[in-house]
Protein backbone atom coordinates (compact mmCIF):
# COMPACT_ATOMS: atom_id res chain seq x y z
CA MET A 1 111.50 132.43 -33.30
CA ARG A 2 110.75 128.02 -33.63
CA VAL A 3 109.25 125.82 -31.75
CA LEU A 4 110.87 122.60 -31.72
CA PRO A 5 108.02 119.69 -30.77
CA LEU A 6 107.61 117.94 -27.92
CA PRO A 7 109.60 114.60 -28.61
CA LEU A 8 106.24 111.66 -29.27
CA LEU A 9 104.95 109.87 -25.48
CA LEU A 10 105.51 106.31 -25.98
CA PRO A 11 103.99 103.72 -23.34
CA ALA A 12 106.79 101.46 -21.27
CA SER A 13 107.44 98.10 -22.52
CA PRO A 14 105.31 95.97 -20.44
CA LEU A 15 107.87 94.24 -18.33
CA PRO A 16 109.54 90.57 -19.65
CA LEU A 17 107.61 87.93 -17.61
CA ALA A 18 110.55 86.28 -16.15
CA ASP A 19 111.29 89.79 -15.33
CA ARG A 20 107.91 90.55 -13.64
CA ASP A 21 106.75 90.76 -9.87
CA ASP A 22 104.94 87.80 -8.15
CA ALA A 23 101.92 89.06 -7.90
CA ALA A 24 101.82 90.59 -11.13
CA LEU A 25 102.43 86.57 -12.42
CA LEU A 26 99.60 85.57 -9.91
CA ARG A 27 97.14 88.26 -11.82
CA ALA A 28 98.47 86.71 -15.24
CA LEU A 29 97.99 82.92 -14.05
CA SER A 30 94.25 84.50 -13.11
CA LEU A 31 94.21 84.53 -16.78
CA ASP A 32 94.96 81.27 -17.39
CA ASP A 33 98.90 82.63 -18.47
CA GLU A 34 100.73 79.36 -18.81
CA ALA A 35 103.18 81.41 -20.06
CA ALA A 36 103.38 82.99 -16.20
CA PHE A 37 102.43 79.15 -14.92
CA ALA A 38 106.56 78.26 -16.20
CA VAL A 39 108.11 81.71 -14.57
CA ILE A 40 106.59 81.11 -11.15
CA TYR A 41 107.58 76.89 -11.49
CA ASP A 42 110.94 77.66 -12.87
CA ARG A 43 111.41 81.13 -10.36
CA TYR A 44 110.23 78.49 -7.28
CA TRP A 45 110.97 74.78 -8.18
CA ASN A 46 114.56 74.38 -6.52
CA ALA A 47 113.74 75.85 -3.00
CA LEU A 48 110.74 74.07 -2.54
CA HIS A 49 112.61 70.49 -4.08
CA ALA A 50 116.11 71.44 -2.04
CA HIS A 51 112.89 71.95 1.07
CA ALA A 52 111.35 68.99 1.18
CA GLY A 53 114.44 66.64 -0.03
CA ARG A 54 115.75 67.88 3.11
CA LYS A 55 112.10 67.20 5.38
CA LEU A 56 112.08 63.75 3.44
CA GLY A 57 114.94 61.96 2.61
CA CYS A 58 114.47 61.26 -0.95
CA PRO A 59 114.96 63.50 -3.87
CA TYR A 60 112.12 61.16 -5.47
CA GLU A 61 109.22 61.25 -2.85
CA ALA A 62 110.13 65.35 -3.25
CA GLU A 63 109.62 65.35 -6.69
CA GLU A 64 106.43 64.01 -6.20
CA ILE A 65 105.12 66.57 -3.59
CA VAL A 66 106.36 69.40 -5.47
CA GLN A 67 105.13 68.56 -8.75
CA ASP A 68 101.41 67.95 -7.08
CA LEU A 69 101.60 71.45 -4.97
CA PHE A 70 101.76 72.84 -9.02
CA VAL A 71 99.01 70.85 -9.91
CA ALA A 72 97.06 72.03 -7.40
CA LEU A 73 97.93 75.71 -7.89
CA TRP A 74 96.87 75.59 -12.09
CA HIS A 75 93.42 73.87 -10.76
CA LYS A 76 92.99 76.99 -8.27
CA ARG A 77 94.26 79.43 -10.39
CA HIS A 78 91.08 81.21 -10.44
CA SER A 79 89.42 80.65 -7.02
CA ALA A 80 92.72 80.95 -4.63
CA ASP A 81 93.55 84.06 -2.01
CA ILE A 82 97.15 84.17 -2.36
CA GLN A 83 98.32 87.40 -0.85
CA GLN A 84 102.23 86.04 -1.10
CA LEU A 85 103.04 83.82 -3.35
CA LYS A 86 106.48 82.40 -1.70
CA SER A 87 104.81 81.95 1.26
CA TYR A 88 101.34 80.51 0.08
CA LEU A 89 103.63 77.75 -1.46
CA PHE A 90 105.98 76.81 0.74
CA THR A 91 102.65 76.44 3.60
CA ALA A 92 101.01 74.08 1.03
CA LEU A 93 104.38 72.67 0.85
CA LYS A 94 104.80 71.83 4.59
CA TYR A 95 101.46 69.80 4.92
CA ARG A 96 101.91 67.84 2.42
CA LEU A 97 105.71 67.19 3.86
CA ILE A 98 103.21 66.14 7.08
CA ASP A 99 100.57 63.89 5.66
CA CYS A 100 103.70 62.79 3.47
CA ILE A 101 105.45 61.81 6.87
CA ARG A 102 102.27 60.66 8.69
CA ALA A 103 101.55 58.34 5.98
CA ARG A 104 105.57 56.67 5.91
CA MET A 105 105.28 56.28 9.79
CA VAL A 106 101.93 54.27 9.96
CA ARG A 107 103.58 52.43 6.86
CA GLN A 108 106.81 51.49 9.15
CA ALA A 109 104.48 50.85 11.76
CA HIS A 110 102.60 48.50 10.38
CA ALA A 111 105.94 46.71 8.51
CA ALA A 112 107.25 46.36 12.13
CA ILE A 113 104.78 43.74 13.84
CA PRO A 114 106.00 39.96 12.73
CA PRO A 115 104.80 37.65 11.27
CA PRO A 116 103.54 34.51 13.62
CA ALA A 117 105.98 32.08 14.16
CA ALA A 118 106.47 28.52 13.17
CA HIS A 119 107.10 26.94 16.25
CA HIS A 120 105.30 28.55 18.82
CA GLY A 121 103.07 26.66 20.95
CA THR A 122 99.60 24.97 19.80
CA GLU A 123 97.70 28.13 21.48
CA GLU A 124 99.83 31.02 20.49
CA THR A 125 99.46 28.93 16.77
CA VAL A 126 95.88 28.92 16.74
CA ALA A 127 95.91 32.38 18.41
CA ALA A 128 98.17 33.66 15.55
CA ALA A 129 95.60 31.88 12.75
CA ASP A 130 92.34 33.76 13.88
CA LEU A 131 93.90 37.07 13.90
CA HIS A 132 95.02 35.99 9.89
CA ALA A 133 91.72 35.21 10.43
CA ALA A 134 90.32 38.52 11.40
CA LEU A 135 93.00 40.38 9.69
CA ASP A 136 91.43 38.90 5.81
CA ALA A 137 88.17 39.55 7.31
CA SER A 138 88.87 42.49 7.87
CA VAL A 139 90.38 43.60 4.29
CA ARG A 140 87.48 42.26 3.03
CA HIS A 141 84.53 45.11 4.02
CA LEU A 142 87.42 47.84 2.91
CA PRO A 143 86.27 50.17 0.19
CA ALA A 144 87.17 48.35 -2.72
CA HIS A 145 89.69 50.56 -4.00
CA ALA A 146 91.26 51.37 0.09
CA ARG A 147 91.31 47.32 0.07
CA GLU A 148 93.12 47.44 -3.86
CA VAL A 149 95.53 49.33 -2.67
CA PHE A 150 95.96 47.09 0.99
CA ARG A 151 96.27 44.38 -1.62
CA LEU A 152 98.80 45.34 -3.96
CA SER A 153 101.21 47.14 -1.30
CA ARG A 154 100.84 44.51 2.07
CA LEU A 155 100.38 41.37 -0.41
CA GLU A 156 102.20 41.75 -3.35
CA HIS A 157 105.17 44.18 -1.64
CA ARG A 158 103.98 46.94 -4.27
CA SER A 159 106.41 50.13 -3.15
CA VAL A 160 104.21 53.97 -3.62
CA PRO A 161 105.26 54.74 -7.22
CA GLU A 162 104.13 51.23 -8.15
CA ILE A 163 101.03 51.19 -7.23
CA ALA A 164 100.21 54.39 -8.46
CA ALA A 165 101.46 53.52 -11.75
CA GLN A 166 99.45 50.62 -12.05
CA LEU A 167 95.94 52.20 -10.49
CA GLN A 168 96.92 55.25 -12.89
CA VAL A 169 96.26 57.77 -9.87
CA SER A 170 99.07 59.51 -8.26
CA PRO A 171 101.39 58.46 -5.05
CA LYS A 172 99.90 60.97 -2.84
CA THR A 173 96.07 59.21 -3.62
CA VAL A 174 97.99 55.46 -3.18
CA GLU A 175 99.11 57.03 0.33
CA TYR A 176 95.72 58.01 1.61
CA HIS A 177 93.97 55.30 0.56
CA LEU A 178 97.02 52.87 2.41
CA SER A 179 96.62 55.60 5.75
CA HIS A 180 92.58 55.41 5.23
CA SER A 181 92.82 51.09 5.28
CA LEU A 182 94.80 50.85 8.83
CA LYS A 183 92.48 52.64 10.36
CA LEU A 184 89.81 51.19 9.58
CA LEU A 185 90.92 48.21 10.41
CA ARG A 186 92.39 49.77 12.98
CA GLY A 187 89.07 49.45 13.90
CA TYR A 188 87.86 46.66 12.59
CA LEU A 189 90.10 44.04 14.49
CA ARG A 190 88.99 46.17 18.12
CA GLU A 191 87.04 43.87 19.23
CA PHE A 192 88.75 41.30 18.42
CA LEU A 193 91.50 42.04 19.90
CA LEU A 194 89.78 43.11 23.08
CA GLY A 195 88.42 39.36 23.30
CA LEU A 196 91.95 38.40 22.59
CA LEU A 197 93.23 40.69 26.59
CA LEU A 198 90.41 39.43 28.11
CA LEU A 199 91.38 35.36 27.47
CA ALA A 200 94.59 36.63 28.56
CA SER A 201 93.04 38.10 31.28
CA PHE A 202 91.02 35.29 32.43
CA GLY A 203 94.77 32.75 32.24
CA ALA A 204 97.02 34.48 34.07
């Protein structure tokens, strides 16, 4: 009886990157596979951007934050301990959104402080002038980068994207410097404001 040869067993063809699961993409990413990074980007960009857009109400800010998130993922591709990619990305996005909203609230609170009115009485006019002098002196104590960001934002009324483009930094860096500047200024001005409160209490 003639024995037929067994069929040759060929190794299975690897799945295309686009069809691989997140764990396989992460392994490829850790080996500097740019194509795997592109698949991750395409797979999660829309969902992340939509979520950020709903929270911020601003598609431009949402785009900037998600873009920054993916840049960070690429930079951390060798060191990040990522168990579940989707969970990791949305958790990282949540903290970026918190930082962005906090910085926005600081800017809005600062912008809500009215400028000194031109027709106040003499004492109020002097107090306002003293406050502005104290503010100017405090700004000069800021670190160079923070001082420049503060100047562009508060004196030249530039937007965060405009400042980022002029200084060639990310919008997140601009947000950080603004938040840090206001925190330092509050400390510098605390003594001055306490003095005003003491004067007011003695005059009451």
